[in-house]
Amino acid sequence: MKPEINPVATILEYREVYDRPARLEELVPLLRDLDLVASASLLCQMNADFRLTKRQKEATAKTQQIIAGGLLSDETIDRLKQRFGQAHMSERPIFYPAQILNVLRLVMEHSAGTRNPLVDASARYALGEACLMMNDLMMTEAERKAVAPGDSENVKRALMVQMLAPFELLNASSIVHVAYRSRVMFRELLGKKDVIERIRNQCQGFDFEREFLRIAKVPLSHWLLLMFAFYAYLAHYLGSDGVLRQRDGVHRGGHRAASSRCEKRGVCP
């Protein structure tokens, strides 16, 4: 039987939990004393988990449950139980790729401490609070006003403009398609002189490999090898039933107790 796909979800914002909007000025200090490598590793793992749920309703809810149980403080979980205890976690998600990648960007820019969220609960809670705060910062106040009740055509237009980038990010191709497509486009096609010359002639001398190295600081050939290695890893990441494997380790094994308390408090579906 094919898993049920969740068609739409409304992100749960910090202001809905704490009755005030979050500010970037208070989010950044939460990240400053965190260990950069450990925090980035945890966020990348979370991002991979959500990518692999493929919007499947129960898998998404279960992943939300596990991560919320590990990253959110007792106070936040209590508030979630009181206000959203009856909500299905796939329909009111807290964590999602666009949010995680934005927090990852701030971690890369500001984190320079030693607190390790892989072993320190208070560091995990700081990272989880930063993620929840980020939900408030995904829209500016002007964007919120643009989609407030009013002229339907203007609201539709504003929604379309605001959702273009998130849709592109959240509905990325599956990893297997990305791996094959990258191989064809960036290795086979760019290995042909006539293709390279055509690109340069039609795009004012544009050199894709040179620009990729300038922006990513990684040679394109090296990135393709990383893509292959990542795909090989993910090929063994799902169980035979299509559910994320519950491996030992901090991200899942270290969250068992936290996930259990999340269930007991009624936050989970």
Protein backbone atom coordinates (compact mmCIF):
# COMPACT_ATOMS: atom_id res chain seq x y z
CA MET A 1 0.00 0.00 0.00
CA LYS A 2 1.42 3.36 -1.02
CA PRO A 3 2.16 5.74 1.92
CA GLU A 4 -0.18 8.70 2.29
CA ILE A 5 1.36 11.96 1.06
CA ASN A 6 0.79 15.08 3.11
CA PRO A 7 -0.46 17.65 0.55
CA VAL A 8 0.06 20.80 2.59
CA ALA A 9 1.39 21.85 5.98
CA THR A 10 1.38 25.04 8.03
CA ILE A 11 4.72 25.69 9.72
CA LEU A 12 4.45 26.19 13.48
CA GLU A 13 5.99 29.54 14.41
CA TYR A 14 7.76 30.73 17.55
CA ARG A 15 5.15 33.48 18.04
CA GLU A 16 2.42 30.83 18.27
CA VAL A 17 4.26 29.10 21.10
CA TYR A 18 5.63 32.09 23.05
CA ASP A 19 3.13 34.83 22.09
CA ARG A 20 5.72 37.17 20.61
CA PRO A 21 7.72 37.29 17.37
CA ALA A 22 11.32 36.10 17.41
CA ARG A 23 14.14 38.45 16.46
CA LEU A 24 17.42 37.69 14.71
CA GLU A 25 19.25 39.64 17.43
CA GLU A 26 18.25 37.03 20.03
CA LEU A 27 18.67 34.01 17.77
CA VAL A 28 22.34 34.52 16.92
CA PRO A 29 23.55 34.55 20.58
CA LEU A 30 22.03 31.07 21.02
CA LEU A 31 24.51 29.75 18.44
CA ARG A 32 27.72 31.59 19.32
CA ASP A 33 29.08 29.19 21.95
CA LEU A 34 28.10 26.01 20.07
CA ASP A 35 30.69 23.73 18.52
CA LEU A 36 30.67 24.47 14.78
CA VAL A 37 31.40 20.97 13.45
CA ALA A 38 29.03 19.12 15.79
CA SER A 39 26.20 21.60 15.24
CA ALA A 40 26.61 21.57 11.47
CA SER A 41 26.74 17.76 11.49
CA LEU A 42 23.51 17.51 13.46
CA LEU A 43 21.72 20.00 11.21
CA CYS A 44 22.87 18.19 8.06
CA GLN A 45 21.62 14.90 9.53
CA MET A 46 18.24 16.49 10.25
CA ASN A 47 18.06 17.87 6.72
CA ALA A 48 18.78 14.41 5.28
CA ASP A 49 16.09 12.86 7.49
CA PHE A 50 13.40 15.23 6.23
CA ARG A 51 14.49 14.87 2.61
CA LEU A 52 14.08 11.11 2.89
CA THR A 53 10.54 11.25 4.28
CA LYS A 54 9.42 12.49 0.83
CA ARG A 55 6.35 14.21 2.35
CA GLN A 56 4.96 10.88 3.51
CA LYS A 57 2.52 11.78 6.25
CA GLU A 58 3.35 9.27 8.97
CA ALA A 59 7.10 9.21 8.26
CA THR A 60 7.17 13.01 8.46
CA ALA A 61 5.25 13.01 11.74
CA LYS A 62 7.55 10.36 13.24
CA THR A 63 10.67 12.28 12.20
CA GLN A 64 9.20 15.48 13.65
CA GLN A 65 8.50 13.61 16.89
CA ILE A 66 12.03 12.25 17.22
CA ILE A 67 13.74 15.56 16.50
CA ALA A 68 11.34 17.65 18.60
CA GLY A 69 11.86 15.28 21.53
CA GLY A 70 15.60 15.75 21.34
CA LEU A 71 15.95 19.44 20.45
CA LEU A 72 13.18 21.21 22.36
CA SER A 73 13.31 22.14 26.04
CA ASP A 74 10.80 20.97 28.64
CA GLU A 75 9.15 24.39 28.66
CA THR A 76 8.67 24.40 24.88
CA ILE A 77 7.30 20.86 24.85
CA ASP A 78 4.85 21.77 27.64
CA ARG A 79 3.63 24.75 25.63
CA LEU A 80 3.29 22.62 22.50
CA LYS A 81 1.24 20.07 24.39
CA GLN A 82 -1.10 22.71 25.79
CA ARG A 83 -1.66 24.52 22.49
CA PHE A 84 -1.14 21.93 19.74
CA GLY A 85 -1.49 18.58 21.49
CA GLN A 86 -4.25 17.46 19.11
CA ALA A 87 -2.47 18.58 15.92
CA HIS A 88 -0.88 16.00 13.63
CA MET A 89 2.82 16.78 13.44
CA SER A 90 2.93 16.40 9.66
CA GLU A 91 0.29 19.13 9.34
CA ARG A 92 1.91 21.55 11.85
CA PRO A 93 5.62 20.74 11.47
CA ILE A 94 8.30 22.52 13.49
CA PHE A 95 11.36 21.53 11.46
CA TYR A 96 11.84 21.55 7.67
CA PRO A 97 14.76 21.85 5.20
CA ALA A 98 14.55 25.58 4.39
CA GLN A 99 14.60 26.43 8.10
CA ILE A 100 17.42 23.99 8.85
CA LEU A 101 19.59 25.31 6.02
CA ASN A 102 19.12 28.90 7.22
CA VAL A 103 20.13 27.94 10.76
CA LEU A 104 23.09 26.05 9.29
CA ARG A 105 24.15 29.24 7.50
CA LEU A 106 24.10 31.14 10.81
CA VAL A 107 26.01 28.35 12.55
CA MET A 108 28.71 28.48 9.89
CA GLU A 109 28.93 32.24 10.32
CA HIS A 110 28.70 32.66 14.10
CA SER A 111 29.37 29.41 16.02
CA ALA A 112 32.84 29.38 17.57
CA GLY A 113 32.37 27.71 20.97
CA THR A 114 32.82 24.27 22.51
CA ARG A 115 29.29 23.28 23.58
CA ASN A 116 28.52 20.10 21.66
CA PRO A 117 24.81 19.49 20.89
CA LEU A 118 25.60 15.84 20.19
CA VAL A 119 26.35 15.23 23.89
CA ASP A 120 25.10 18.35 25.73
CA ALA A 121 21.32 18.61 26.19
CA SER A 122 21.39 22.36 26.89
CA ALA A 123 23.30 22.90 23.63
CA ARG A 124 20.70 20.85 21.76
CA TYR A 125 17.90 22.92 23.29
CA ALA A 126 19.65 26.12 22.17
CA LEU A 127 19.86 24.75 18.64
CA GLY A 128 16.22 23.68 18.76
CA GLU A 129 15.11 27.10 20.02
CA ALA A 130 17.09 28.72 17.20
CA CYS A 131 15.27 26.52 14.69
CA LEU A 132 11.87 27.44 16.14
CA MET A 133 12.81 31.13 16.10
CA MET A 134 13.90 30.85 12.48
CA ASN A 135 10.31 29.97 11.55
CA ASP A 136 9.32 33.53 12.45
CA LEU A 137 12.12 34.97 10.31
CA MET A 138 11.23 33.22 7.06
CA MET A 139 8.88 36.11 6.26
CA THR A 140 9.37 39.84 6.65
CA GLU A 141 6.62 41.97 8.18
CA ALA A 142 6.00 43.45 4.72
CA GLU A 143 5.49 39.93 3.31
CA ARG A 144 3.08 39.10 6.12
CA LYS A 145 1.03 42.19 5.32
CA ALA A 146 1.04 41.31 1.61
CA VAL A 147 -0.73 37.99 2.29
CA ALA A 148 -3.14 39.36 4.90
CA PRO A 149 -6.85 39.22 4.00
CA GLY A 150 -7.58 41.66 1.23
CA ASP A 151 -7.83 41.73 -2.55
CA SER A 152 -7.67 38.07 -3.61
CA GLU A 153 -5.63 38.70 -6.77
CA ASN A 154 -3.00 40.67 -4.86
CA VAL A 155 -2.83 38.00 -2.17
CA LYS A 156 -2.44 35.25 -4.79
CA ARG A 157 0.33 37.17 -6.54
CA ALA A 158 2.15 37.79 -3.25
CA LEU A 159 1.89 34.13 -2.26
CA MET A 160 3.24 32.98 -5.63
CA VAL A 161 6.24 35.31 -5.40
CA GLN A 162 6.98 34.36 -1.79
CA MET A 163 6.73 30.61 -2.41
CA LEU A 164 8.84 30.34 -5.55
CA ALA A 165 12.14 29.86 -3.72
CA PRO A 166 10.79 27.57 -0.93
CA PHE A 167 8.99 25.34 -3.46
CA GLU A 168 12.20 25.01 -5.48
CA LEU A 169 14.12 24.13 -2.33
CA LEU A 170 11.59 21.80 -0.72
CA ASN A 171 10.64 19.92 -3.90
CA ALA A 172 14.14 19.09 -5.03
CA SER A 173 14.68 16.00 -7.15
CA SER A 174 15.36 12.70 -5.42
CA ILE A 175 19.02 12.01 -4.69
CA VAL A 176 19.21 9.31 -7.34
CA HIS A 177 18.01 11.74 -10.02
CA VAL A 178 20.40 14.42 -8.81
CA ALA A 179 23.32 11.98 -8.91
CA TYR A 180 22.62 10.82 -12.48
CA ARG A 181 21.79 14.31 -13.72
CA SER A 182 24.94 15.77 -12.19
CA ARG A 183 27.05 13.07 -13.81
CA VAL A 184 25.57 13.78 -17.23
CA MET A 185 25.62 17.58 -17.03
CA PHE A 186 28.84 18.24 -15.16
CA ARG A 187 31.07 15.39 -16.24
CA GLU A 188 29.95 14.05 -19.61
CA LEU A 189 28.65 17.24 -21.25
CA LEU A 190 31.31 19.52 -19.81
CA GLY A 191 33.91 17.06 -21.02
CA LYS A 192 33.02 17.85 -24.65
CA LYS A 193 34.84 20.78 -26.24
CA ASP A 194 31.98 21.70 -28.55
CA VAL A 195 29.61 22.00 -25.58
CA ILE A 196 32.06 24.19 -23.66
CA GLU A 197 32.58 26.45 -26.68
CA ARG A 198 28.84 26.77 -27.23
CA ILE A 199 28.33 27.84 -23.61
CA ARG A 200 31.15 30.39 -23.81
CA ASN A 201 29.91 31.84 -27.10
CA GLN A 202 26.30 32.17 -25.97
CA CYS A 203 26.99 33.28 -22.38
CA GLN A 204 29.71 35.92 -22.77
CA GLY A 205 32.62 33.64 -21.95
CA PHE A 206 30.97 31.92 -18.99
CA ASP A 207 33.11 29.09 -17.54
CA PHE A 208 31.01 26.82 -15.32
CA GLU A 209 33.87 24.94 -13.64
CA ARG A 210 35.74 28.15 -12.84
CA GLU A 211 32.62 29.79 -11.39
CA PHE A 212 31.74 26.69 -9.39
CA LEU A 213 35.21 26.67 -7.82
CA ARG A 214 34.98 30.40 -7.07
CA ILE A 215 31.60 30.13 -5.35
CA ALA A 216 31.77 26.70 -3.67
CA LYS A 217 35.55 26.68 -2.99
CA VAL A 218 35.53 23.05 -4.10
CA PRO A 219 36.58 21.73 -7.54
CA LEU A 220 33.63 20.42 -9.54
CA SER A 221 35.28 16.99 -9.92
CA HIS A 222 35.66 16.72 -6.14
CA TRP A 223 32.01 17.72 -5.62
CA LEU A 224 30.89 14.96 -8.02
CA LEU A 225 32.84 12.40 -5.97
CA LEU A 226 31.18 13.69 -2.79
CA MET A 227 27.78 13.40 -4.50
CA PHE A 228 28.47 9.77 -5.37
CA ALA A 229 29.65 8.99 -1.82
CA PHE A 230 26.58 10.69 -0.34
CA TYR A 231 24.29 8.72 -2.63
CA ALA A 232 26.02 5.45 -1.65
CA TYR A 233 25.48 6.34 2.02
CA LEU A 234 21.80 7.20 1.58
CA ALA A 235 21.21 3.98 -0.39
CA HIS A 236 21.72 2.13 2.92
CA TYR A 237 19.96 4.69 5.09
CA LEU A 238 16.38 3.45 4.70
CA GLY A 239 15.00 0.21 6.03
CA SER A 240 13.24 -2.29 3.78
CA ASP A 241 9.90 -0.76 4.85
CA GLY A 242 11.02 2.68 3.69
CA VAL A 243 11.30 4.05 7.25
CA LEU A 244 14.47 5.70 8.53
CA ARG A 245 16.71 3.19 10.29
CA GLN A 246 16.91 3.70 14.04
CA ARG A 247 20.65 3.40 14.33
CA ASP A 248 22.67 3.83 17.50
CA GLY A 249 24.23 7.25 17.81
CA VAL A 250 23.43 10.63 19.21
CA HIS A 251 21.00 11.82 16.56
CA ARG A 252 18.60 8.90 17.05
CA GLY A 253 19.88 6.67 19.84
CA GLY A 254 20.75 9.67 22.00
CA HIS A 255 17.23 10.99 21.56
CA ARG A 256 15.37 7.90 22.74
CA ALA A 257 14.58 9.29 26.19
CA ALA A 258 13.76 12.72 24.79
CA SER A 259 11.45 11.21 22.17
CA SER A 260 9.77 9.19 24.90
CA ARG A 261 9.07 12.31 26.99
CA CYS A 262 7.69 13.98 23.87
CA GLU A 263 5.23 11.10 23.46
CA LYS A 264 4.23 11.17 27.13
CA ARG A 265 3.45 14.88 26.93
CA GLY A 266 1.12 14.41 24.02
CA VAL A 267 2.96 16.52 21.47
CA CYS A 268 3.10 13.64 19.03
CA PRO A 269 0.17 12.37 16.95
